[in-house]
Amino acid sequence: MPSQTLSTKLAPPAAEQLKAQAMEPWLFPVFFLSGSAALVYQVVWQRALYAIYGVDILSVTIVVTAFMLGLGLGSLAGGALSRRYPQAAVTLFALSELGIGLYGAFSLRLFALIAEVTHGIGHVATGGVAFLLVALPAMLMGATLPLLVAHAASRSRNVGRSLGNLYFTNTLGAAFGAILAARYLLGGLGLRATAEVAAALNVFLGVLVMVLRRGRRGEP
């Protein structure tokens, strides 16, 4: 009888602990859509920059390198921020999404403006400009993964599981976004409208996460 009473008293706290350690369901659809938007941008920006600066092996290398380097640098920055401000990881993720959306909404106009200013400055110089145009927003995209992993790991107490689940979700979303952009959005909407759709998605995700975070204030 005493053991039954003890187990009954321990059950609710144990259940609450398991619930607290579970990964929040919203993480997966949000990060799936975030990955989708990122690859829509990559497809759009590649085509826009190729139209401005031409298509050759150097141009392709510059754009892809800028995107991947930006993601890597952003990941390092996001990891550092998540360690320094662990309680603000979700808020920083939301701000990153809002920043990506703001840049994405005006990106093609910016590209066109920079193209006019840099016209005729040489292939190497224009390559450097194209590199910077893509690398800066890619850094914000790269920061999103470590920020969400830090938040998820603080709840699940399992970094490997959190990283694996979120990386898989984001990669799956990226593949979906690439297919969506190449097969449907670009042909039906054009470059600018496609970029604006991705930007609207980023802004929506940023606002949604802010609202969700406010509703769960006080949780890690």
N, C-alpha and C. Protein backbone atom coordinates (compact mmCIF):
# COMPACT_ATOMS: atom_id res chain seq x y z
N MET A 1 0.82 -1.23 0.00
CA MET A 1 0.00 0.00 0.00
C MET A 1 0.84 1.27 0.00
N PRO A 2 1.88 1.38 0.87
CA PRO A 2 2.70 2.60 0.85
C PRO A 2 3.37 2.81 -0.50
N SER A 3 3.84 1.68 -1.12
CA SER A 3 4.51 1.84 -2.42
C SER A 3 3.55 2.34 -3.47
N GLN A 4 2.28 1.89 -3.44
CA GLN A 4 1.29 2.36 -4.40
C GLN A 4 1.03 3.85 -4.20
N THR A 5 0.95 4.25 -2.94
CA THR A 5 0.73 5.68 -2.65
C THR A 5 1.88 6.53 -3.14
N LEU A 6 3.12 6.02 -2.96
CA LEU A 6 4.30 6.75 -3.40
C LEU A 6 4.34 6.89 -4.91
N SER A 7 4.02 5.78 -5.61
CA SER A 7 4.04 5.84 -7.08
C SER A 7 2.97 6.77 -7.61
N THR A 8 1.83 6.82 -6.90
CA THR A 8 0.76 7.73 -7.32
C THR A 8 1.19 9.18 -7.17
N LYS A 9 1.93 9.45 -6.10
CA LYS A 9 2.39 10.82 -5.88
C LYS A 9 3.47 11.23 -6.87
N LEU A 10 4.27 10.26 -7.34
CA LEU A 10 5.35 10.57 -8.25
C LEU A 10 4.88 10.67 -9.70
N ALA A 11 3.75 10.07 -10.04
CA ALA A 11 3.31 10.00 -11.43
C ALA A 11 3.07 11.36 -12.07
N PRO A 12 2.31 12.26 -11.43
CA PRO A 12 2.06 13.55 -12.08
C PRO A 12 3.33 14.34 -12.35
N PRO A 13 4.28 14.48 -11.38
CA PRO A 13 5.50 15.21 -11.70
C PRO A 13 6.28 14.57 -12.83
N ALA A 14 6.35 13.22 -12.86
CA ALA A 14 7.07 12.54 -13.94
C ALA A 14 6.43 12.83 -15.28
N ALA A 15 5.09 12.82 -15.33
CA ALA A 15 4.39 13.12 -16.57
C ALA A 15 4.64 14.55 -17.01
N GLU A 16 4.67 15.47 -16.04
CA GLU A 16 4.94 16.86 -16.36
C GLU A 16 6.36 17.04 -16.88
N GLN A 17 7.29 16.28 -16.31
CA GLN A 17 8.67 16.38 -16.77
C GLN A 17 8.82 15.87 -18.20
N LEU A 18 8.16 14.75 -18.50
CA LEU A 18 8.21 14.22 -19.86
C LEU A 18 7.58 15.20 -20.85
N LYS A 19 6.51 15.83 -20.44
CA LYS A 19 5.84 16.81 -21.30
C LYS A 19 6.75 18.01 -21.55
N ALA A 20 7.44 18.45 -20.49
CA ALA A 20 8.34 19.59 -20.64
C ALA A 20 9.52 19.28 -21.55
N GLN A 21 9.96 17.97 -21.57
CA GLN A 21 11.10 17.59 -22.36
C GLN A 21 10.73 17.27 -23.82
N ALA A 22 9.46 17.17 -24.12
CA ALA A 22 9.04 16.87 -25.50
C ALA A 22 9.29 18.07 -26.39
N MET A 23 9.69 17.80 -27.64
CA MET A 23 9.90 18.88 -28.60
C MET A 23 8.55 19.46 -29.00
N GLU A 24 8.47 20.77 -29.03
CA GLU A 24 7.21 21.44 -29.32
C GLU A 24 6.78 21.16 -30.76
N PRO A 25 5.53 20.81 -30.99
CA PRO A 25 5.07 20.43 -32.34
C PRO A 25 5.24 21.53 -33.38
N TRP A 26 5.16 22.81 -32.97
CA TRP A 26 5.25 23.89 -33.94
C TRP A 26 6.62 24.00 -34.59
N LEU A 27 7.66 23.45 -33.93
CA LEU A 27 9.00 23.56 -34.48
C LEU A 27 9.11 22.97 -35.87
N PHE A 28 8.41 21.86 -36.11
CA PHE A 28 8.60 21.13 -37.36
C PHE A 28 7.94 21.82 -38.56
N PRO A 29 6.66 22.19 -38.52
CA PRO A 29 6.11 22.91 -39.67
C PRO A 29 6.77 24.26 -39.91
N VAL A 30 7.15 24.95 -38.83
CA VAL A 30 7.80 26.26 -38.98
C VAL A 30 9.15 26.10 -39.68
N PHE A 31 9.95 25.12 -39.25
CA PHE A 31 11.27 24.97 -39.84
C PHE A 31 11.20 24.34 -41.23
N PHE A 32 10.17 23.55 -41.48
CA PHE A 32 9.95 23.03 -42.84
C PHE A 32 9.70 24.19 -43.80
N LEU A 33 8.81 25.09 -43.43
CA LEU A 33 8.49 26.24 -44.28
C LEU A 33 9.66 27.20 -44.39
N SER A 34 10.44 27.34 -43.32
CA SER A 34 11.62 28.19 -43.37
C SER A 34 12.62 27.66 -44.39
N GLY A 35 12.82 26.35 -44.41
CA GLY A 35 13.70 25.74 -45.40
C GLY A 35 13.16 25.89 -46.81
N SER A 36 11.86 25.80 -46.97
CA SER A 36 11.24 25.98 -48.29
C SER A 36 11.50 27.39 -48.82
N ALA A 37 11.29 28.39 -47.96
CA ALA A 37 11.51 29.77 -48.38
C ALA A 37 12.97 30.00 -48.76
N ALA A 38 13.91 29.41 -48.00
CA ALA A 38 15.33 29.60 -48.28
C ALA A 38 15.71 29.11 -49.67
N LEU A 39 15.20 27.96 -50.06
CA LEU A 39 15.55 27.44 -51.39
C LEU A 39 14.81 28.16 -52.50
N VAL A 40 13.64 28.69 -52.21
CA VAL A 40 12.97 29.55 -53.20
C VAL A 40 13.86 30.76 -53.49
N TYR A 41 14.39 31.37 -52.43
CA TYR A 41 15.30 32.50 -52.62
C TYR A 41 16.52 32.10 -53.44
N GLN A 42 17.10 30.96 -53.12
CA GLN A 42 18.31 30.56 -53.83
C GLN A 42 18.05 30.44 -55.32
N VAL A 43 16.95 29.81 -55.68
CA VAL A 43 16.62 29.65 -57.10
C VAL A 43 16.37 31.02 -57.74
N VAL A 44 15.60 31.87 -57.05
CA VAL A 44 15.28 33.20 -57.59
C VAL A 44 16.53 34.05 -57.73
N TRP A 45 17.35 34.10 -56.68
CA TRP A 45 18.54 34.95 -56.71
C TRP A 45 19.55 34.46 -57.74
N GLN A 46 19.69 33.16 -57.89
CA GLN A 46 20.59 32.65 -58.91
C GLN A 46 20.15 33.13 -60.29
N ARG A 47 18.89 33.00 -60.59
CA ARG A 47 18.41 33.40 -61.91
C ARG A 47 18.53 34.91 -62.11
N ALA A 48 18.24 35.66 -61.07
CA ALA A 48 18.33 37.12 -61.18
C ALA A 48 19.77 37.57 -61.41
N LEU A 49 20.70 37.00 -60.66
CA LEU A 49 22.10 37.39 -60.80
C LEU A 49 22.69 36.90 -62.11
N TYR A 50 22.24 35.74 -62.58
CA TYR A 50 22.71 35.27 -63.88
C TYR A 50 22.23 36.19 -64.99
N ALA A 51 20.99 36.68 -64.84
CA ALA A 51 20.45 37.59 -65.85
C ALA A 51 21.22 38.91 -65.86
N ILE A 52 21.71 39.33 -64.69
CA ILE A 52 22.44 40.60 -64.60
C ILE A 52 23.89 40.45 -65.02
N TYR A 53 24.55 39.43 -64.51
CA TYR A 53 25.99 39.31 -64.69
C TYR A 53 26.40 38.21 -65.68
N GLY A 54 25.44 37.48 -66.19
CA GLY A 54 25.76 36.44 -67.16
C GLY A 54 25.89 35.07 -66.52
N VAL A 55 25.81 34.04 -67.36
CA VAL A 55 25.90 32.66 -66.89
C VAL A 55 27.19 32.04 -67.41
N ASP A 56 28.09 31.75 -66.53
CA ASP A 56 29.29 30.97 -66.86
C ASP A 56 29.72 30.24 -65.60
N ILE A 57 30.76 29.46 -65.70
CA ILE A 57 31.17 28.63 -64.56
C ILE A 57 31.57 29.49 -63.36
N LEU A 58 32.17 30.67 -63.62
CA LEU A 58 32.57 31.54 -62.52
C LEU A 58 31.36 32.13 -61.80
N SER A 59 30.35 32.55 -62.56
CA SER A 59 29.14 33.11 -61.96
C SER A 59 28.43 32.08 -61.10
N VAL A 60 28.28 30.87 -61.63
CA VAL A 60 27.62 29.81 -60.88
C VAL A 60 28.39 29.52 -59.59
N THR A 61 29.71 29.44 -59.71
CA THR A 61 30.55 29.15 -58.53
C THR A 61 30.42 30.24 -57.48
N ILE A 62 30.40 31.49 -57.91
CA ILE A 62 30.31 32.62 -56.97
C ILE A 62 29.00 32.57 -56.20
N VAL A 63 27.90 32.39 -56.89
CA VAL A 63 26.59 32.40 -56.24
C VAL A 63 26.45 31.24 -55.26
N VAL A 64 26.81 30.03 -55.70
CA VAL A 64 26.69 28.86 -54.83
C VAL A 64 27.63 28.97 -53.63
N THR A 65 28.86 29.44 -53.88
CA THR A 65 29.82 29.60 -52.79
C THR A 65 29.33 30.63 -51.77
N ALA A 66 28.80 31.74 -52.28
CA ALA A 66 28.29 32.78 -51.38
C ALA A 66 27.17 32.25 -50.51
N PHE A 67 26.28 31.49 -51.12
CA PHE A 67 25.14 30.95 -50.37
C PHE A 67 25.63 29.99 -49.29
N MET A 68 26.52 29.07 -49.67
CA MET A 68 26.99 28.07 -48.70
C MET A 68 27.86 28.70 -47.62
N LEU A 69 28.72 29.65 -48.00
CA LEU A 69 29.55 30.31 -47.01
C LEU A 69 28.69 31.13 -46.04
N GLY A 70 27.68 31.81 -46.58
CA GLY A 70 26.78 32.57 -45.73
C GLY A 70 26.07 31.68 -44.73
N LEU A 71 25.62 30.52 -45.19
CA LEU A 71 24.96 29.57 -44.29
C LEU A 71 25.92 29.12 -43.18
N GLY A 72 27.17 28.84 -43.57
CA GLY A 72 28.14 28.40 -42.58
C GLY A 72 28.46 29.46 -41.55
N LEU A 73 28.71 30.69 -42.02
CA LEU A 73 29.01 31.78 -41.10
C LEU A 73 27.81 32.09 -40.20
N GLY A 74 26.63 32.04 -40.80
CA GLY A 74 25.42 32.27 -40.01
C GLY A 74 25.22 31.21 -38.95
N SER A 75 25.57 29.98 -39.29
CA SER A 75 25.45 28.90 -38.32
C SER A 75 26.39 29.13 -37.14
N LEU A 76 27.61 29.58 -37.42
CA LEU A 76 28.54 29.89 -36.33
C LEU A 76 28.00 31.02 -35.46
N ALA A 77 27.48 32.06 -36.11
CA ALA A 77 26.95 33.20 -35.36
C ALA A 77 25.73 32.79 -34.54
N GLY A 78 24.85 32.00 -35.16
CA GLY A 78 23.67 31.54 -34.43
C GLY A 78 24.03 30.68 -33.24
N GLY A 79 25.04 29.83 -33.40
CA GLY A 79 25.48 29.01 -32.28
C GLY A 79 26.03 29.84 -31.14
N ALA A 80 26.82 30.86 -31.49
CA ALA A 80 27.38 31.75 -30.46
C ALA A 80 26.27 32.51 -29.73
N LEU A 81 25.29 33.00 -30.48
CA LEU A 81 24.18 33.73 -29.86
C LEU A 81 23.34 32.82 -28.97
N SER A 82 23.12 31.59 -29.43
CA SER A 82 22.30 30.68 -28.63
C SER A 82 22.97 30.31 -27.32
N ARG A 83 24.30 30.28 -27.31
CA ARG A 83 25.02 30.00 -26.06
C ARG A 83 25.03 31.21 -25.14
N ARG A 84 25.12 32.37 -25.74
CA ARG A 84 25.19 33.59 -24.92
C ARG A 84 23.83 34.01 -24.40
N TYR A 85 22.79 33.82 -25.24
CA TYR A 85 21.43 34.23 -24.85
C TYR A 85 20.48 33.04 -25.03
N PRO A 86 20.63 31.98 -24.24
CA PRO A 86 19.81 30.77 -24.44
C PRO A 86 18.32 31.02 -24.30
N GLN A 87 17.92 31.92 -23.41
CA GLN A 87 16.50 32.17 -23.21
C GLN A 87 15.88 32.95 -24.38
N ALA A 88 16.72 33.56 -25.20
CA ALA A 88 16.22 34.38 -26.31
C ALA A 88 16.35 33.68 -27.65
N ALA A 89 16.66 32.37 -27.67
CA ALA A 89 16.92 31.66 -28.92
C ALA A 89 15.72 31.73 -29.87
N VAL A 90 14.53 31.51 -29.35
CA VAL A 90 13.34 31.53 -30.20
C VAL A 90 13.06 32.94 -30.72
N THR A 91 13.23 33.93 -29.86
CA THR A 91 13.03 35.31 -30.30
C THR A 91 14.03 35.69 -31.39
N LEU A 92 15.29 35.27 -31.23
CA LEU A 92 16.31 35.55 -32.24
C LEU A 92 15.98 34.84 -33.56
N PHE A 93 15.44 33.63 -33.46
CA PHE A 93 15.00 32.92 -34.66
C PHE A 93 13.91 33.72 -35.38
N ALA A 94 12.94 34.19 -34.62
CA ALA A 94 11.85 34.98 -35.21
C ALA A 94 12.37 36.25 -35.87
N LEU A 95 13.32 36.91 -35.21
CA LEU A 95 13.90 38.12 -35.78
C LEU A 95 14.68 37.81 -37.06
N SER A 96 15.35 36.66 -37.08
CA SER A 96 16.05 36.24 -38.29
C SER A 96 15.08 36.04 -39.44
N GLU A 97 13.95 35.40 -39.16
CA GLU A 97 12.95 35.19 -40.20
C GLU A 97 12.41 36.53 -40.71
N LEU A 98 12.16 37.45 -39.80
CA LEU A 98 11.68 38.77 -40.21
C LEU A 98 12.73 39.50 -41.04
N GLY A 99 14.00 39.38 -40.66
CA GLY A 99 15.07 40.01 -41.42
C GLY A 99 15.21 39.42 -42.82
N ILE A 100 15.10 38.10 -42.92
CA ILE A 100 15.15 37.44 -44.23
C ILE A 100 13.99 37.91 -45.10
N GLY A 101 12.80 37.98 -44.49
CA GLY A 101 11.63 38.41 -45.25
C GLY A 101 11.75 39.84 -45.73
N LEU A 102 12.28 40.72 -44.88
CA LEU A 102 12.46 42.12 -45.28
C LEU A 102 13.44 42.23 -46.44
N TYR A 103 14.56 41.52 -46.34
CA TYR A 103 15.54 41.55 -47.42
C TYR A 103 14.96 40.94 -48.69
N GLY A 104 14.28 39.81 -48.53
CA GLY A 104 13.72 39.12 -49.69
C GLY A 104 12.71 39.96 -50.44
N ALA A 105 11.91 40.74 -49.72
CA ALA A 105 10.88 41.55 -50.36
C ALA A 105 11.47 42.60 -51.29
N PHE A 106 12.65 43.11 -50.95
CA PHE A 106 13.28 44.17 -51.74
C PHE A 106 14.54 43.70 -52.47
N SER A 107 14.83 42.40 -52.40
CA SER A 107 16.10 41.90 -52.92
C SER A 107 16.29 42.15 -54.41
N LEU A 108 15.26 41.88 -55.21
CA LEU A 108 15.44 42.03 -56.65
C LEU A 108 15.55 43.50 -57.06
N ARG A 109 14.87 44.37 -56.34
CA ARG A 109 15.04 45.80 -56.59
C ARG A 109 16.47 46.23 -56.23
N LEU A 110 16.98 45.70 -55.14
CA LEU A 110 18.35 46.00 -54.73
C LEU A 110 19.34 45.47 -55.76
N PHE A 111 19.11 44.25 -56.23
CA PHE A 111 19.99 43.68 -57.25
C PHE A 111 20.04 44.57 -58.49
N ALA A 112 18.87 45.02 -58.93
CA ALA A 112 18.81 45.86 -60.12
C ALA A 112 19.54 47.19 -59.91
N LEU A 113 19.37 47.77 -58.72
CA LEU A 113 20.03 49.03 -58.41
C LEU A 113 21.55 48.86 -58.38
N ILE A 114 22.01 47.81 -57.72
CA ILE A 114 23.45 47.55 -57.65
C ILE A 114 24.01 47.25 -59.03
N ALA A 115 23.24 46.57 -59.86
CA ALA A 115 23.70 46.26 -61.21
C ALA A 115 23.95 47.53 -62.01
N GLU A 116 23.08 48.53 -61.85
CA GLU A 116 23.27 49.80 -62.55
C GLU A 116 24.53 50.51 -62.06
N VAL A 117 24.76 50.48 -60.76
CA VAL A 117 25.91 51.17 -60.19
C VAL A 117 27.22 50.48 -60.58
N THR A 118 27.19 49.15 -60.63
CA THR A 118 28.42 48.39 -60.88
C THR A 118 28.61 48.01 -62.34
N HIS A 119 27.79 48.54 -63.22
CA HIS A 119 27.89 48.18 -64.64
C HIS A 119 29.27 48.55 -65.19
N GLY A 120 29.92 47.55 -65.78
CA GLY A 120 31.20 47.79 -66.43
C GLY A 120 32.40 47.83 -65.51
N ILE A 121 32.28 47.40 -64.26
CA ILE A 121 33.42 47.48 -63.34
C ILE A 121 34.33 46.25 -63.43
N GLY A 122 33.97 45.30 -64.26
CA GLY A 122 34.82 44.13 -64.41
C GLY A 122 34.21 42.88 -63.82
N HIS A 123 34.62 41.74 -64.39
CA HIS A 123 34.01 40.47 -64.01
C HIS A 123 34.30 40.11 -62.56
N VAL A 124 35.54 40.30 -62.14
CA VAL A 124 35.92 39.92 -60.78
C VAL A 124 35.19 40.79 -59.76
N ALA A 125 35.14 42.10 -60.03
CA ALA A 125 34.48 43.02 -59.11
C ALA A 125 32.98 42.74 -59.02
N THR A 126 32.34 42.51 -60.16
CA THR A 126 30.91 42.21 -60.13
C THR A 126 30.64 40.89 -59.44
N GLY A 127 31.57 39.96 -59.58
CA GLY A 127 31.44 38.70 -58.84
C GLY A 127 31.48 38.91 -57.35
N GLY A 128 32.36 39.82 -56.91
CA GLY A 128 32.41 40.14 -55.49
C GLY A 128 31.14 40.78 -54.99
N VAL A 129 30.56 41.66 -55.81
CA VAL A 129 29.29 42.30 -55.43
C VAL A 129 28.18 41.26 -55.32
N ALA A 130 28.11 40.38 -56.31
CA ALA A 130 27.09 39.32 -56.28
C ALA A 130 27.28 38.44 -55.05
N PHE A 131 28.53 38.18 -54.70
CA PHE A 131 28.83 37.38 -53.52
C PHE A 131 28.25 38.02 -52.27
N LEU A 132 28.47 39.32 -52.11
CA LEU A 132 27.97 40.02 -50.92
C LEU A 132 26.44 40.08 -50.89
N LEU A 133 25.83 40.26 -52.05
CA LEU A 133 24.37 40.34 -52.11
C LEU A 133 23.71 39.06 -51.61
N VAL A 134 24.33 37.94 -51.87
CA VAL A 134 23.74 36.65 -51.47
C VAL A 134 24.22 36.23 -50.09
N ALA A 135 25.47 36.53 -49.75
CA ALA A 135 26.04 36.04 -48.49
C ALA A 135 25.35 36.63 -47.27
N LEU A 136 25.00 37.91 -47.32
CA LEU A 136 24.42 38.56 -46.14
C LEU A 136 23.09 37.94 -45.70
N PRO A 137 22.11 37.79 -46.61
CA PRO A 137 20.87 37.13 -46.16
C PRO A 137 21.07 35.65 -45.85
N ALA A 138 22.03 35.01 -46.53
CA ALA A 138 22.29 33.60 -46.25
C ALA A 138 22.79 33.41 -44.83
N MET A 139 23.48 34.40 -44.29
CA MET A 139 23.94 34.31 -42.90
C MET A 139 22.75 34.24 -41.93
N LEU A 140 21.71 35.03 -42.21
CA LEU A 140 20.52 34.97 -41.37
C LEU A 140 19.86 33.59 -41.47
N MET A 141 19.84 33.04 -42.68
CA MET A 141 19.27 31.70 -42.86
C MET A 141 20.08 30.66 -42.09
N GLY A 142 21.41 30.78 -42.15
CA GLY A 142 22.25 29.83 -41.46
C GLY A 142 22.12 29.88 -39.95
N ALA A 143 21.76 31.04 -39.43
CA ALA A 143 21.65 31.19 -37.97
C ALA A 143 20.41 30.49 -37.42
N THR A 144 19.42 30.22 -38.26
CA THR A 144 18.16 29.69 -37.75
C THR A 144 18.29 28.29 -37.16
N LEU A 145 19.11 27.43 -37.76
CA LEU A 145 19.23 26.06 -37.28
C LEU A 145 19.80 25.99 -35.86
N PRO A 146 20.98 26.55 -35.59
CA PRO A 146 21.49 26.45 -34.21
C PRO A 146 20.60 27.13 -33.18
N LEU A 147 19.90 28.16 -33.57
CA LEU A 147 19.00 28.82 -32.62
C LEU A 147 17.85 27.90 -32.22
N LEU A 148 17.24 27.25 -33.20
CA LEU A 148 16.13 26.34 -32.87
C LEU A 148 16.63 25.07 -32.19
N VAL A 149 17.81 24.59 -32.60
CA VAL A 149 18.36 23.41 -31.94
C VAL A 149 18.63 23.70 -30.47
N ALA A 150 19.17 24.88 -30.18
CA ALA A 150 19.43 25.24 -28.78
C ALA A 150 18.14 25.24 -27.97
N HIS A 151 17.08 25.79 -28.56
CA HIS A 151 15.79 25.82 -27.85
C HIS A 151 15.24 24.41 -27.66
N ALA A 152 15.28 23.60 -28.73
CA ALA A 152 14.73 22.25 -28.63
C ALA A 152 15.54 21.40 -27.66
N ALA A 153 16.87 21.54 -27.69
CA ALA A 153 17.72 20.75 -26.80
C ALA A 153 17.53 21.14 -25.34
N SER A 154 17.18 22.41 -25.09
CA SER A 154 16.95 22.83 -23.71
C SER A 154 15.72 22.15 -23.11
N ARG A 155 14.84 21.68 -23.99
CA ARG A 155 13.64 20.99 -23.52
C ARG A 155 13.83 19.46 -23.54
N SER A 156 14.37 18.94 -24.63
CA SER A 156 14.49 17.49 -24.76
C SER A 156 15.71 16.93 -24.04
N ARG A 157 16.70 17.80 -23.73
CA ARG A 157 17.95 17.37 -23.10
C ARG A 157 18.71 16.40 -23.99
N ASN A 158 18.47 16.47 -25.30
CA ASN A 158 19.12 15.56 -26.25
C ASN A 158 19.49 16.37 -27.49
N VAL A 159 20.76 16.79 -27.55
CA VAL A 159 21.20 17.64 -28.66
C VAL A 159 21.15 16.88 -29.98
N GLY A 160 21.61 15.63 -29.97
CA GLY A 160 21.65 14.84 -31.20
C GLY A 160 20.26 14.65 -31.80
N ARG A 161 19.30 14.31 -30.95
CA ARG A 161 17.92 14.12 -31.44
C ARG A 161 17.35 15.42 -31.96
N SER A 162 17.57 16.50 -31.23
CA SER A 162 17.04 17.80 -31.65
C SER A 162 17.65 18.22 -32.99
N LEU A 163 18.97 18.10 -33.11
CA LEU A 163 19.64 18.48 -34.35
C LEU A 163 19.19 17.62 -35.51
N GLY A 164 19.14 16.31 -35.31
CA GLY A 164 18.76 15.40 -36.38
C GLY A 164 17.35 15.65 -36.88
N ASN A 165 16.41 15.79 -35.96
CA ASN A 165 15.01 16.01 -36.35
C ASN A 165 14.82 17.33 -37.08
N LEU A 166 15.43 18.38 -36.55
CA LEU A 166 15.25 19.70 -37.16
C LEU A 166 16.00 19.81 -38.48
N TYR A 167 17.19 19.25 -38.57
CA TYR A 167 17.94 19.30 -39.83
C TYR A 167 17.20 18.53 -40.92
N PHE A 168 16.67 17.37 -40.56
CA PHE A 168 15.89 16.58 -41.53
C PHE A 168 14.68 17.37 -42.00
N THR A 169 13.97 17.98 -41.06
CA THR A 169 12.78 18.75 -41.41
C THR A 169 13.11 19.91 -42.32
N ASN A 170 14.18 20.63 -41.99
CA ASN A 170 14.58 21.79 -42.78
C ASN A 170 15.05 21.38 -44.18
N THR A 171 15.79 20.28 -44.26
CA THR A 171 16.26 19.78 -45.56
C THR A 171 15.10 19.34 -46.43
N LEU A 172 14.12 18.68 -45.81
CA LEU A 172 12.94 18.26 -46.55
C LEU A 172 12.18 19.47 -47.08
N GLY A 173 12.05 20.49 -46.24
CA GLY A 173 11.41 21.72 -46.68
C GLY A 173 12.17 22.40 -47.80
N ALA A 174 13.52 22.37 -47.72
CA ALA A 174 14.34 22.97 -48.77
C ALA A 174 14.11 22.28 -50.11
N ALA A 175 14.06 20.95 -50.09
CA ALA A 175 13.80 20.22 -51.33
C ALA A 175 12.43 20.58 -51.90
N PHE A 176 11.45 20.69 -51.03
CA PHE A 176 10.11 21.07 -51.47
C PHE A 176 10.12 22.47 -52.07
N GLY A 177 10.83 23.40 -51.43
CA GLY A 177 10.90 24.77 -51.93
C GLY A 177 11.56 24.87 -53.28
N ALA A 178 12.63 24.10 -53.49
CA ALA A 178 13.33 24.12 -54.78
C ALA A 178 12.41 23.62 -55.89
N ILE A 179 11.70 22.54 -55.63
CA ILE A 179 10.78 22.00 -56.64
C ILE A 179 9.64 22.98 -56.89
N LEU A 180 9.10 23.54 -55.82
CA LEU A 180 7.98 24.48 -55.94
C LEU A 180 8.38 25.70 -56.77
N ALA A 181 9.56 26.23 -56.51
CA ALA A 181 10.00 27.42 -57.23
C ALA A 181 10.26 27.12 -58.70
N ALA A 182 11.01 26.05 -58.96
CA ALA A 182 11.43 25.75 -60.33
C ALA A 182 10.28 25.29 -61.21
N ARG A 183 9.34 24.55 -60.64
CA ARG A 183 8.29 23.94 -61.47
C ARG A 183 7.01 24.74 -61.53
N TYR A 184 6.75 25.54 -60.51
CA TYR A 184 5.44 26.19 -60.44
C TYR A 184 5.53 27.71 -60.28
N LEU A 185 6.22 28.18 -59.25
CA LEU A 185 6.16 29.61 -58.92
C LEU A 185 6.78 30.50 -60.00
N LEU A 186 7.98 30.16 -60.45
CA LEU A 186 8.65 31.02 -61.41
C LEU A 186 7.89 31.12 -62.72
N GLY A 187 7.38 30.00 -63.20
CA GLY A 187 6.63 30.01 -64.45
C GLY A 187 5.30 30.74 -64.34
N GLY A 188 4.68 30.66 -63.17
CA GLY A 188 3.36 31.27 -63.01
C GLY A 188 3.40 32.71 -62.51
N LEU A 189 4.42 33.05 -61.72
CA LEU A 189 4.46 34.36 -61.09
C LEU A 189 5.60 35.25 -61.57
N GLY A 190 6.68 34.67 -62.00
CA GLY A 190 7.85 35.45 -62.35
C GLY A 190 8.78 35.61 -61.16
N LEU A 191 9.96 36.19 -61.39
CA LEU A 191 10.98 36.29 -60.35
C LEU A 191 10.54 37.14 -59.17
N ARG A 192 10.08 38.36 -59.44
CA ARG A 192 9.78 39.29 -58.35
C ARG A 192 8.64 38.79 -57.47
N ALA A 193 7.57 38.34 -58.08
CA ALA A 193 6.43 37.87 -57.29
C ALA A 193 6.79 36.61 -56.50
N THR A 194 7.63 35.76 -57.08
CA THR A 194 8.07 34.57 -56.35
C THR A 194 8.88 34.95 -55.13
N ALA A 195 9.78 35.92 -55.28
CA ALA A 195 10.55 36.41 -54.13
C ALA A 195 9.63 37.01 -53.08
N GLU A 196 8.60 37.70 -53.50
CA GLU A 196 7.67 38.33 -52.56
C GLU A 196 6.84 37.28 -51.81
N VAL A 197 6.51 36.18 -52.49
CA VAL A 197 5.81 35.08 -51.81
C VAL A 197 6.69 34.50 -50.71
N ALA A 198 7.96 34.25 -51.03
CA ALA A 198 8.88 33.73 -50.02
C ALA A 198 9.05 34.72 -48.88
N ALA A 199 9.13 36.01 -49.21
CA ALA A 199 9.28 37.04 -48.17
C ALA A 199 8.06 37.06 -47.25
N ALA A 200 6.87 36.97 -47.84
CA ALA A 200 5.65 36.96 -47.03
C ALA A 200 5.63 35.75 -46.10
N LEU A 201 6.14 34.62 -46.59
CA LEU A 201 6.19 33.41 -45.77
C LEU A 201 7.13 33.61 -44.59
N ASN A 202 8.30 34.21 -44.84
CA ASN A 202 9.24 34.48 -43.74
C ASN A 202 8.64 35.41 -42.69
N VAL A 203 7.99 36.47 -43.15
CA VAL A 203 7.38 37.42 -42.21
C VAL A 203 6.29 36.73 -41.40
N PHE A 204 5.49 35.91 -42.07
CA PHE A 204 4.44 35.16 -41.37
C PHE A 204 5.04 34.26 -40.30
N LEU A 205 6.11 33.55 -40.65
CA LEU A 205 6.75 32.65 -39.68
C LEU A 205 7.32 33.43 -38.50
N GLY A 206 7.95 34.58 -38.80
CA GLY A 206 8.51 35.39 -37.72
C GLY A 206 7.45 35.87 -36.75
N VAL A 207 6.35 36.37 -37.29
CA VAL A 207 5.26 36.86 -36.45
C VAL A 207 4.62 35.71 -35.68
N LEU A 208 4.41 34.58 -36.36
CA LEU A 208 3.81 33.42 -35.71
C LEU A 208 4.64 32.95 -34.52
N VAL A 209 5.94 32.85 -34.72
CA VAL A 209 6.81 32.38 -33.64
C VAL A 209 6.82 33.38 -32.48
N MET A 210 6.80 34.67 -32.80
CA MET A 210 6.72 35.68 -31.74
C MET A 210 5.45 35.50 -30.91
N VAL A 211 4.34 35.26 -31.58
CA VAL A 211 3.07 35.06 -30.88
C VAL A 211 3.12 33.80 -30.02
N LEU A 212 3.65 32.71 -30.59
CA LEU A 212 3.75 31.47 -29.84
C LEU A 212 4.67 31.63 -28.64
N ARG A 213 5.77 32.36 -28.84
CA ARG A 213 6.71 32.56 -27.74
C ARG A 213 6.08 33.38 -26.63
N ARG A 214 5.32 34.38 -27.00
CA ARG A 214 4.66 35.21 -25.99
C ARG A 214 3.65 34.38 -25.19
N GLY A 215 2.98 33.44 -25.88
CA GLY A 215 2.02 32.60 -25.19
C GLY A 215 2.66 31.61 -24.26
N ARG A 216 3.97 31.33 -24.47
CA ARG A 216 4.69 30.37 -23.62
C ARG A 216 5.77 31.05 -22.80
N ARG A 217 5.64 32.33 -22.55
CA ARG A 217 6.66 33.06 -21.80
C ARG A 217 6.87 32.42 -20.44
N GLY A 218 8.11 32.30 -20.11
CA GLY A 218 8.45 31.65 -18.85
C GLY A 218 9.00 30.26 -19.04
N GLU A 219 8.77 29.66 -20.26
CA GLU A 219 9.35 28.35 -20.55
C GLU A 219 10.74 28.55 -21.11
N PRO A 220 11.62 27.54 -21.07
CA PRO A 220 12.97 27.68 -21.59
C PRO A 220 12.96 27.72 -23.10
